[in-house]
Amino acid sequence: MNSAHQKILDRQQLRRRVARWRAQHDRIILANGTFDLLHVGHIRYLHAAKELGGRLVVAVNADASVRALKGENRPLMPDRERAEVLAALSDVDAVIIFGELDVGGLIREIRPDVHVKGTDYTADTVPEAAVVRACGGRIAIVGDPKDHSVTEIIASRLSRRKT
């Protein structure tokens, strides 16, 4: 099994891994998203998150939650494949697939020091901000301006086919 597969954890494994990292005085950084088709905006977001210093955990929405959030035609790739692609990135220390519509429950479980979101958010508009703060963490907005979107990429490709 390659190292990417070893980074994909279930919740129990993640709790143990986070406990080990904390014992080593590592900071825990949590990023989340659907990551339906990995693009440069995702790479810049995850790299900026890792540059905050610490262990980067990426929570990936399970297929059912992507459908609930993005519509019946999504995701384009199954959650295990999206997780494997993310786990192959050197900036990523662990990946977990979660089924809820937001990461509030996971935040309560692992209590990240920093919860990162992309530049389409502000610290006040992050849905899980209250949970993060209640767990002693902080919000960081990272990455480049939100100029990249899988939804927009799909719409652009479909409109080109029609012309």
C-alpha atoms as a PDB file:
ATOM      1  CA  MET A   1       0.000   0.000   0.000  1.00  0.00           C
ATOM      2  CA  ASN A   2       1.407   3.408  -0.918  1.00  0.00           C
ATOM      3  CA  SER A   3       1.780   6.300   1.506  1.00  0.00           C
ATOM      4  CA  ALA A   4      -1.259   8.103   0.071  1.00  0.00           C
ATOM      5  CA  HIS A   5      -3.508   5.228   1.172  1.00  0.00           C
ATOM      6  CA  GLN A   6      -1.965   5.375   4.652  1.00  0.00           C
ATOM      7  CA  LYS A   7      -3.064   9.002   4.969  1.00  0.00           C
ATOM      8  CA  ILE A   8      -6.756   8.169   4.412  1.00  0.00           C
ATOM      9  CA  LEU A   9      -8.189   7.558   7.860  1.00  0.00           C
ATOM     10  CA  ASP A  10     -11.522   6.797   9.471  1.00  0.00           C
ATOM     11  CA  ARG A  11     -12.652   8.859  12.459  1.00  0.00           C
ATOM     12  CA  GLN A  12     -11.171   6.566  15.104  1.00  0.00           C
ATOM     13  CA  GLN A  13      -7.814   6.427  13.299  1.00  0.00           C
ATOM     14  CA  LEU A  14      -7.845  10.202  12.886  1.00  0.00           C
ATOM     15  CA  ARG A  15      -8.520  10.779  16.598  1.00  0.00           C
ATOM     16  CA  ARG A  16      -5.541   8.550  17.466  1.00  0.00           C
ATOM     17  CA  ARG A  17      -3.296  10.236  14.895  1.00  0.00           C
ATOM     18  CA  VAL A  18      -4.264  13.720  16.137  1.00  0.00           C
ATOM     19  CA  ALA A  19      -3.579  12.649  19.743  1.00  0.00           C
ATOM     20  CA  ARG A  20      -0.121  11.451  18.703  1.00  0.00           C
ATOM     21  CA  TRP A  21       0.598  14.691  16.848  1.00  0.00           C
ATOM     22  CA  ARG A  22      -0.550  16.756  19.839  1.00  0.00           C
ATOM     23  CA  ALA A  23       1.770  14.720  22.088  1.00  0.00           C
ATOM     24  CA  GLN A  24       4.558  15.819  19.736  1.00  0.00           C
ATOM     25  CA  HIS A  25       3.365  19.451  20.144  1.00  0.00           C
ATOM     26  CA  ASP A  26       2.208  19.698  16.523  1.00  0.00           C
ATOM     27  CA  ARG A  27      -0.552  22.144  15.641  1.00  0.00           C
ATOM     28  CA  ILE A  28      -3.606  20.692  13.932  1.00  0.00           C
ATOM     29  CA  ILE A  29      -4.965  22.505  10.886  1.00  0.00           C
ATOM     30  CA  LEU A  30      -8.279  21.442   9.354  1.00  0.00           C
ATOM     31  CA  ALA A  31      -9.375  22.173   5.797  1.00  0.00           C
ATOM     32  CA  ASN A  32     -12.537  20.832   4.224  1.00  0.00           C
ATOM     33  CA  GLY A  33     -14.424  20.737   0.970  1.00  0.00           C
ATOM     34  CA  THR A  34     -15.830  18.607  -1.803  1.00  0.00           C
ATOM     35  CA  PHE A  35     -12.658  18.711  -3.948  1.00  0.00           C
ATOM     36  CA  ASP A  36     -14.665  17.292  -6.833  1.00  0.00           C
ATOM     37  CA  LEU A  37     -12.038  18.018  -9.483  1.00  0.00           C
ATOM     38  CA  LEU A  38      -8.717  19.143  -8.098  1.00  0.00           C
ATOM     39  CA  HIS A  39      -7.664  22.472  -9.625  1.00  0.00           C
ATOM     40  CA  VAL A  40      -5.026  25.139  -9.012  1.00  0.00           C
ATOM     41  CA  GLY A  41      -7.260  26.995  -6.536  1.00  0.00           C
ATOM     42  CA  HIS A  42      -7.409  23.868  -4.367  1.00  0.00           C
ATOM     43  CA  ILE A  43      -3.638  23.424  -4.524  1.00  0.00           C
ATOM     44  CA  ARG A  44      -3.020  27.040  -3.501  1.00  0.00           C
ATOM     45  CA  TYR A  45      -5.578  26.772  -0.689  1.00  0.00           C
ATOM     46  CA  LEU A  46      -4.035  23.612   0.756  1.00  0.00           C
ATOM     47  CA  HIS A  47      -0.483  24.911   0.371  1.00  0.00           C
ATOM     48  CA  ALA A  48      -1.377  28.144   2.170  1.00  0.00           C
ATOM     49  CA  ALA A  49      -3.029  26.105   4.932  1.00  0.00           C
ATOM     50  CA  LYS A  50       0.097  23.985   5.383  1.00  0.00           C
ATOM     51  CA  GLU A  51       2.257  27.113   5.517  1.00  0.00           C
ATOM     52  CA  LEU A  52       0.479  28.066   8.764  1.00  0.00           C
ATOM     53  CA  GLY A  53       2.666  25.396  10.358  1.00  0.00           C
ATOM     54  CA  GLY A  54       1.396  22.097  11.643  1.00  0.00           C
ATOM     55  CA  ARG A  55      -0.318  18.935  10.508  1.00  0.00           C
ATOM     56  CA  LEU A  56      -2.859  19.446   7.749  1.00  0.00           C
ATOM     57  CA  VAL A  57      -6.007  17.325   7.939  1.00  0.00           C
ATOM     58  CA  VAL A  58      -8.308  17.536   4.914  1.00  0.00           C
ATOM     59  CA  ALA A  59     -11.950  16.551   5.386  1.00  0.00           C
ATOM     60  CA  VAL A  60     -13.642  15.526   2.137  1.00  0.00           C
ATOM     61  CA  ASN A  61     -17.414  15.477   1.757  1.00  0.00           C
ATOM     62  CA  ALA A  62     -18.802  11.991   1.128  1.00  0.00           C
ATOM     63  CA  ASP A  63     -20.686  11.453  -2.121  1.00  0.00           C
ATOM     64  CA  ALA A  64     -24.164  11.806  -0.549  1.00  0.00           C
ATOM     65  CA  SER A  65     -23.295  15.118   1.088  1.00  0.00           C
ATOM     66  CA  VAL A  66     -21.843  16.438  -2.192  1.00  0.00           C
ATOM     67  CA  ARG A  67     -25.138  15.567  -3.929  1.00  0.00           C
ATOM     68  CA  ALA A  68     -27.063  17.374  -1.182  1.00  0.00           C
ATOM     69  CA  LEU A  69     -24.833  20.450  -1.477  1.00  0.00           C
ATOM     70  CA  LYS A  70     -24.136  20.594  -5.225  1.00  0.00           C
ATOM     71  CA  GLY A  71     -26.961  18.681  -6.918  1.00  0.00           C
ATOM     72  CA  GLU A  72     -27.699  15.239  -8.335  1.00  0.00           C
ATOM     73  CA  ASN A  73     -25.021  15.405 -11.048  1.00  0.00           C
ATOM     74  CA  ARG A  74     -22.243  15.701  -8.507  1.00  0.00           C
ATOM     75  CA  PRO A  75     -19.783  14.516  -7.465  1.00  0.00           C
ATOM     76  CA  LEU A  76     -17.909  13.820 -10.665  1.00  0.00           C
ATOM     77  CA  MET A  77     -15.479  11.495  -8.868  1.00  0.00           C
ATOM     78  CA  PRO A  78     -16.267   9.092  -5.994  1.00  0.00           C
ATOM     79  CA  ASP A  79     -15.194  10.137  -2.503  1.00  0.00           C
ATOM     80  CA  ARG A  80     -12.482   7.455  -2.186  1.00  0.00           C
ATOM     81  CA  GLU A  81     -10.827   8.680  -5.379  1.00  0.00           C
ATOM     82  CA  ARG A  82     -11.058  12.332  -4.294  1.00  0.00           C
ATOM     83  CA  ALA A  83      -9.505  11.348  -0.957  1.00  0.00           C
ATOM     84  CA  GLU A  84      -6.691   9.436  -2.655  1.00  0.00           C
ATOM     85  CA  VAL A  85      -5.825  12.366  -4.932  1.00  0.00           C
ATOM     86  CA  LEU A  86      -5.658  14.704  -1.924  1.00  0.00           C
ATOM     87  CA  ALA A  87      -3.652  12.222   0.138  1.00  0.00           C
ATOM     88  CA  ALA A  88      -1.029  12.111  -2.632  1.00  0.00           C
ATOM     89  CA  LEU A  89      -0.222  15.794  -2.057  1.00  0.00           C
ATOM     90  CA  SER A  90       2.866  16.431   0.048  1.00  0.00           C
ATOM     91  CA  ASP A  91       1.193  19.270   1.987  1.00  0.00           C
ATOM     92  CA  VAL A  92      -1.545  16.931   3.244  1.00  0.00           C
ATOM     93  CA  ASP A  93      -0.898  14.849   6.367  1.00  0.00           C
ATOM     94  CA  ALA A  94      -4.259  13.091   6.682  1.00  0.00           C
ATOM     95  CA  VAL A  95      -7.554  12.816   4.817  1.00  0.00           C
ATOM     96  CA  ILE A  96     -10.933  11.840   6.178  1.00  0.00           C
ATOM     97  CA  ILE A  97     -14.211  11.385   4.332  1.00  0.00           C
ATOM     98  CA  PHE A  98     -17.157  12.781   6.287  1.00  0.00           C
ATOM     99  CA  GLY A  99     -20.855  12.387   5.595  1.00  0.00           C
ATOM    100  CA  GLU A 100     -22.340  15.428   7.288  1.00  0.00           C
ATOM    101  CA  LEU A 101     -23.154  18.659   5.443  1.00  0.00           C
ATOM    102  CA  ASP A 102     -20.658  20.604   7.558  1.00  0.00           C
ATOM    103  CA  VAL A 103     -17.582  19.737   9.605  1.00  0.00           C
ATOM    104  CA  GLY A 104     -18.920  20.849  12.989  1.00  0.00           C
ATOM    105  CA  GLY A 105     -18.961  17.319  14.392  1.00  0.00           C
ATOM    106  CA  LEU A 106     -15.431  16.613  13.206  1.00  0.00           C
ATOM    107  CA  ILE A 107     -14.239  19.910  14.699  1.00  0.00           C
ATOM    108  CA  ARG A 108     -15.700  18.864  18.059  1.00  0.00           C
ATOM    109  CA  GLU A 109     -13.877  15.524  17.799  1.00  0.00           C
ATOM    110  CA  ILE A 110     -10.383  16.658  16.815  1.00  0.00           C
ATOM    111  CA  ARG A 111     -10.452  20.273  18.084  1.00  0.00           C
ATOM    112  CA  PRO A 112      -8.165  21.769  15.428  1.00  0.00           C
ATOM    113  CA  ASP A 113      -5.964  24.693  16.406  1.00  0.00           C
ATOM    114  CA  VAL A 114      -6.829  26.314  13.080  1.00  0.00           C
ATOM    115  CA  HIS A 115      -9.788  25.765  10.767  1.00  0.00           C
ATOM    116  CA  VAL A 116      -8.993  27.125   7.306  1.00  0.00           C
ATOM    117  CA  LYS A 117     -11.435  28.274   4.665  1.00  0.00           C
ATOM    118  CA  GLY A 118     -10.932  29.782   1.236  1.00  0.00           C
ATOM    119  CA  THR A 119     -11.158  33.425   0.284  1.00  0.00           C
ATOM    120  CA  ASP A 120     -14.832  33.130  -0.621  1.00  0.00           C
ATOM    121  CA  TYR A 121     -15.411  33.305   3.163  1.00  0.00           C
ATOM    122  CA  THR A 122     -14.624  35.784   5.901  1.00  0.00           C
ATOM    123  CA  ALA A 123     -13.979  34.815   9.505  1.00  0.00           C
ATOM    124  CA  ASP A 124     -17.573  35.861  10.236  1.00  0.00           C
ATOM    125  CA  THR A 125     -19.193  33.857   7.420  1.00  0.00           C
ATOM    126  CA  VAL A 126     -17.526  30.481   8.086  1.00  0.00           C
ATOM    127  CA  PRO A 127     -20.482  28.207   8.965  1.00  0.00           C
ATOM    128  CA  GLU A 128     -18.556  26.399  11.703  1.00  0.00           C
ATOM    129  CA  ALA A 129     -16.951  29.518  13.236  1.00  0.00           C
ATOM    130  CA  ALA A 130     -18.816  29.278  16.557  1.00  0.00           C
ATOM    131  CA  VAL A 131     -17.898  25.602  16.940  1.00  0.00           C
ATOM    132  CA  VAL A 132     -14.233  26.323  16.152  1.00  0.00           C
ATOM    133  CA  ARG A 133     -14.077  29.092  18.743  1.00  0.00           C
ATOM    134  CA  ALA A 134     -15.945  27.004  21.339  1.00  0.00           C
ATOM    135  CA  CYS A 135     -13.308  24.308  20.869  1.00  0.00           C
ATOM    136  CA  GLY A 136     -10.475  26.801  21.406  1.00  0.00           C
ATOM    137  CA  GLY A 137      -9.445  27.132  17.761  1.00  0.00           C
ATOM    138  CA  ARG A 138      -9.224  30.021  15.368  1.00  0.00           C
ATOM    139  CA  ILE A 139     -10.347  30.631  11.784  1.00  0.00           C
ATOM    140  CA  ALA A 140      -7.849  31.441   9.029  1.00  0.00           C
ATOM    141  CA  ILE A 141      -8.818  32.538   5.532  1.00  0.00           C
ATOM    142  CA  VAL A 142      -6.184  31.285   3.086  1.00  0.00           C
ATOM    143  CA  GLY A 143      -5.486  30.792  -0.598  1.00  0.00           C
ATOM    144  CA  ASP A 144      -5.757  32.974  -3.633  1.00  0.00           C
ATOM    145  CA  PRO A 145      -8.863  34.899  -4.701  1.00  0.00           C
ATOM    146  CA  LYS A 146     -11.728  32.568  -5.559  1.00  0.00           C
ATOM    147  CA  ASP A 147     -11.181  32.615  -9.320  1.00  0.00           C
ATOM    148  CA  HIS A 148     -11.519  28.848  -9.716  1.00  0.00           C
ATOM    149  CA  SER A 149     -14.629  26.738  -9.232  1.00  0.00           C
ATOM    150  CA  VAL A 150     -15.508  23.237 -10.355  1.00  0.00           C
ATOM    151  CA  THR A 151     -19.087  24.399 -10.914  1.00  0.00           C
ATOM    152  CA  GLU A 152     -17.836  27.172 -13.205  1.00  0.00           C
ATOM    153  CA  ILE A 153     -15.434  24.808 -15.004  1.00  0.00           C
ATOM    154  CA  ILE A 154     -18.311  22.410 -15.707  1.00  0.00           C
ATOM    155  CA  ALA A 155     -20.622  25.223 -16.873  1.00  0.00           C
ATOM    156  CA  SER A 156     -17.895  26.601 -19.135  1.00  0.00           C
ATOM    157  CA  ARG A 157     -17.261  23.202 -20.736  1.00  0.00           C
ATOM    158  CA  LEU A 158     -20.971  22.574 -21.259  1.00  0.00           C
ATOM    159  CA  SER A 159     -21.540  25.979 -22.845  1.00  0.00           C
ATOM    160  CA  ARG A 160     -18.646  25.368 -25.258  1.00  0.00           C
ATOM    161  CA  ARG A 161     -20.247  22.108 -26.397  1.00  0.00           C
ATOM    162  CA  LYS A 162     -23.524  23.864 -27.172  1.00  0.00           C
ATOM    163  CA  THR A 163     -21.888  26.430 -29.474  1.00  0.00           C
END
